[in-house]
Amino acid sequence: MEAKMGRFFESVGNFFTGGDNIPWCDRDIIAGCERELADAATEEQRNASLMRLSWALVHSRQTDDVNRGISMLEASLDSSGSPLETREKLYLLAVGHYRNGDYSKSRQLVERCLQIQPDWRQAITLKAIEDKIAKDGLIGIGIATTAVGLLVGGIAAAVARKK
């Protein structure tokens, strides 16, 4: 029982702290990717550099970077050269929307990735994280509802005593 309670509180804690296994990217890496893009000599190098920069941006802790990465990916999605490239861009878009808290949009994009490659591990992992957030959200709502109910009950009891 104690172990279950520990997992419960860890689960609720992860909900409020945003605990997940998706890597973060710092400003130095983003700056390096921007330099690499500026130095790209061929279209192939430019496309590869754009993908690396997009990856770095959607994995940033800065909302402006994430939004920039989303914009870059959305602008380049139609020009994808293969289903695998489309899958990669959809996944990175899903990560970006996940980072911004738009879980429903992220979920839709993950589903599209899985239509292209049903056994793709990264998309399956992101989907599992989103499932956990949904479950933890329901638990959090239950806790908040219980707390409000107890507060209202306490106030009602105090009012009843004064009469």
Protein backbone atom coordinates (compact mmCIF):
# COMPACT_ATOMS: atom_id res chain seq x y z
CA MET A 1 0.00 0.00 0.00
CA GLU A 2 2.82 2.39 0.87
CA ALA A 3 4.46 1.76 -2.50
CA LYS A 4 1.20 2.55 -4.31
CA MET A 5 0.87 5.80 -2.35
CA GLY A 6 4.46 6.68 -3.27
CA ARG A 7 3.76 6.10 -6.98
CA PHE A 8 0.55 8.12 -6.66
CA PHE A 9 2.34 11.14 -5.19
CA GLU A 10 5.18 10.80 -7.69
CA SER A 11 2.62 10.70 -10.49
CA VAL A 12 0.86 13.82 -9.21
CA GLY A 13 4.24 15.52 -8.71
CA ASN A 14 5.28 14.74 -12.28
CA PHE A 15 2.00 16.21 -13.48
CA PHE A 16 2.69 19.52 -11.78
CA THR A 17 6.43 19.62 -12.56
CA GLY A 18 6.15 18.38 -16.14
CA GLY A 19 8.29 15.30 -15.54
CA ASP A 20 8.97 13.45 -18.78
CA ASN A 21 11.85 11.80 -20.59
CA ILE A 22 12.02 14.14 -23.57
CA PRO A 23 15.46 15.80 -23.74
CA TRP A 24 15.97 19.53 -23.33
CA CYS A 25 18.26 21.65 -25.48
CA ASP A 26 20.16 24.75 -24.38
CA ARG A 27 20.96 28.02 -26.14
CA ASP A 28 24.54 26.98 -27.01
CA ILE A 29 23.35 24.03 -29.09
CA ILE A 30 20.76 26.19 -30.84
CA ALA A 31 23.44 28.80 -31.64
CA GLY A 32 25.68 26.05 -33.03
CA CYS A 33 22.86 24.80 -35.24
CA GLU A 34 22.20 28.34 -36.46
CA ARG A 35 25.89 28.75 -37.39
CA GLU A 36 25.83 25.39 -39.16
CA LEU A 37 22.77 26.50 -41.17
CA ALA A 38 24.43 29.77 -42.11
CA ASP A 39 27.54 27.88 -43.30
CA ALA A 40 25.60 25.26 -45.33
CA ALA A 41 26.99 25.20 -48.86
CA THR A 42 24.56 22.84 -50.60
CA GLU A 43 20.80 22.36 -50.50
CA GLU A 44 21.31 18.94 -48.90
CA GLN A 45 23.45 20.45 -46.13
CA ARG A 46 20.91 23.23 -45.68
CA ASN A 47 18.02 20.74 -45.30
CA ALA A 48 19.99 18.64 -42.81
CA SER A 49 20.96 21.77 -40.86
CA LEU A 50 17.35 22.95 -40.82
CA MET A 51 16.23 19.62 -39.35
CA ARG A 52 18.89 19.81 -36.62
CA LEU A 53 17.97 23.40 -35.84
CA SER A 54 14.27 22.50 -35.74
CA TRP A 55 15.05 19.62 -33.37
CA ALA A 56 17.03 21.93 -31.09
CA LEU A 57 14.34 24.61 -31.10
CA VAL A 58 11.41 22.35 -30.20
CA HIS A 59 13.50 20.84 -27.39
CA SER A 60 14.30 24.25 -25.92
CA ARG A 61 13.07 25.48 -22.54
CA GLN A 62 12.26 28.86 -24.13
CA THR A 63 8.73 29.21 -25.52
CA ASP A 64 9.90 31.59 -28.26
CA ASP A 65 12.41 28.99 -29.48
CA VAL A 66 9.77 26.25 -29.45
CA ASN A 67 7.35 28.44 -31.41
CA ARG A 68 10.08 29.27 -33.93
CA GLY A 69 10.81 25.56 -34.36
CA ILE A 70 7.11 24.82 -34.88
CA SER A 71 6.88 27.56 -37.53
CA MET A 72 9.95 26.26 -39.36
CA LEU A 73 8.63 22.70 -39.37
CA GLU A 74 5.14 23.71 -40.51
CA ALA A 75 6.64 25.76 -43.35
CA SER A 76 8.78 22.83 -44.52
CA LEU A 77 6.28 20.00 -44.03
CA ASP A 78 4.85 20.13 -47.57
CA SER A 79 8.32 19.94 -49.12
CA SER A 80 9.27 16.69 -47.38
CA GLY A 81 11.06 14.39 -49.77
CA SER A 82 9.96 11.07 -48.27
CA PRO A 83 7.47 9.54 -45.84
CA LEU A 84 10.29 9.15 -43.29
CA GLU A 85 11.15 12.84 -43.52
CA THR A 86 7.44 13.67 -43.10
CA ARG A 87 7.33 11.35 -40.08
CA GLU A 88 10.34 13.11 -38.52
CA LYS A 89 8.84 16.55 -39.04
CA LEU A 90 5.45 15.46 -37.66
CA TYR A 91 7.17 14.03 -34.59
CA LEU A 92 9.14 17.22 -33.99
CA LEU A 93 5.94 19.23 -34.40
CA ALA A 94 4.31 16.93 -31.83
CA VAL A 95 7.19 17.55 -29.41
CA GLY A 96 6.87 21.31 -29.95
CA HIS A 97 3.15 21.31 -29.28
CA TYR A 98 3.72 19.05 -26.28
CA ARG A 99 6.28 21.52 -24.90
CA ASN A 100 3.76 24.33 -25.37
CA GLY A 101 1.09 22.37 -23.49
CA ASP A 102 -1.12 21.77 -26.54
CA TYR A 103 -1.50 18.06 -25.81
CA SER A 104 -4.43 17.46 -28.16
CA LYS A 105 -2.53 18.85 -31.17
CA SER A 106 0.54 16.88 -30.11
CA ARG A 107 -1.57 13.72 -29.86
CA GLN A 108 -2.99 14.26 -33.38
CA LEU A 109 0.52 14.65 -34.81
CA VAL A 110 1.78 11.53 -32.99
CA GLU A 111 -1.14 9.57 -34.45
CA ARG A 112 -0.14 10.75 -37.93
CA CYS A 113 3.44 9.58 -37.25
CA LEU A 114 2.15 6.18 -36.23
CA GLN A 115 0.10 5.95 -39.43
CA ILE A 116 3.36 6.29 -41.37
CA GLN A 117 5.27 3.87 -39.13
CA PRO A 118 3.11 2.07 -36.53
CA ASP A 119 6.04 0.65 -34.55
CA TRP A 120 8.10 3.86 -34.31
CA ARG A 121 9.47 3.89 -30.79
CA GLN A 122 9.81 7.67 -30.32
CA ALA A 123 6.19 8.34 -31.27
CA ILE A 124 5.00 5.48 -29.08
CA THR A 125 6.99 6.91 -26.15
CA LEU A 126 5.53 10.41 -26.63
CA LYS A 127 2.05 8.92 -26.84
CA ALA A 128 2.66 7.06 -23.57
CA ILE A 129 3.80 10.31 -21.89
CA GLU A 130 0.64 12.04 -23.13
CA ASP A 131 -1.48 9.15 -21.78
CA LYS A 132 0.21 9.53 -18.40
CA ILE A 133 -0.46 13.28 -18.38
CA ALA A 134 -4.13 12.67 -19.16
CA LYS A 135 -4.35 10.13 -16.33
CA ASP A 136 -2.48 12.41 -13.92
CA GLY A 137 -4.73 15.29 -14.93
CA LEU A 138 -7.78 13.28 -13.98
CA ILE A 139 -6.15 12.42 -10.65
CA GLY A 140 -5.32 16.10 -10.11
CA ILE A 141 -8.90 17.10 -10.89
CA GLY A 142 -10.12 14.49 -8.41
CA ILE A 143 -7.81 15.83 -5.72
CA ALA A 144 -8.89 19.43 -6.39
CA THR A 145 -12.56 18.46 -6.35
CA THR A 146 -12.12 16.64 -3.05
CA ALA A 147 -10.33 19.62 -1.52
CA VAL A 148 -13.09 22.01 -2.63
CA GLY A 149 -15.72 19.62 -1.26
CA LEU A 150 -13.96 19.45 2.10
CA LEU A 151 -13.65 23.23 2.22
CA VAL A 152 -17.32 23.78 1.40
CA GLY A 153 -18.31 21.09 3.92
CA GLY A 154 -16.18 22.75 6.60
CA ILE A 155 -17.73 26.14 5.93
CA ALA A 156 -21.24 24.65 6.00
CA ALA A 157 -20.48 22.91 9.32
CA ALA A 158 -19.10 26.15 10.81
CA VAL A 159 -22.19 28.09 9.70
CA ALA A 160 -24.50 25.38 11.12
CA ARG A 161 -22.72 25.56 14.52
CA LYS A 162 -23.16 29.33 14.76
CA LYS A 163 -26.93 29.04 14.39
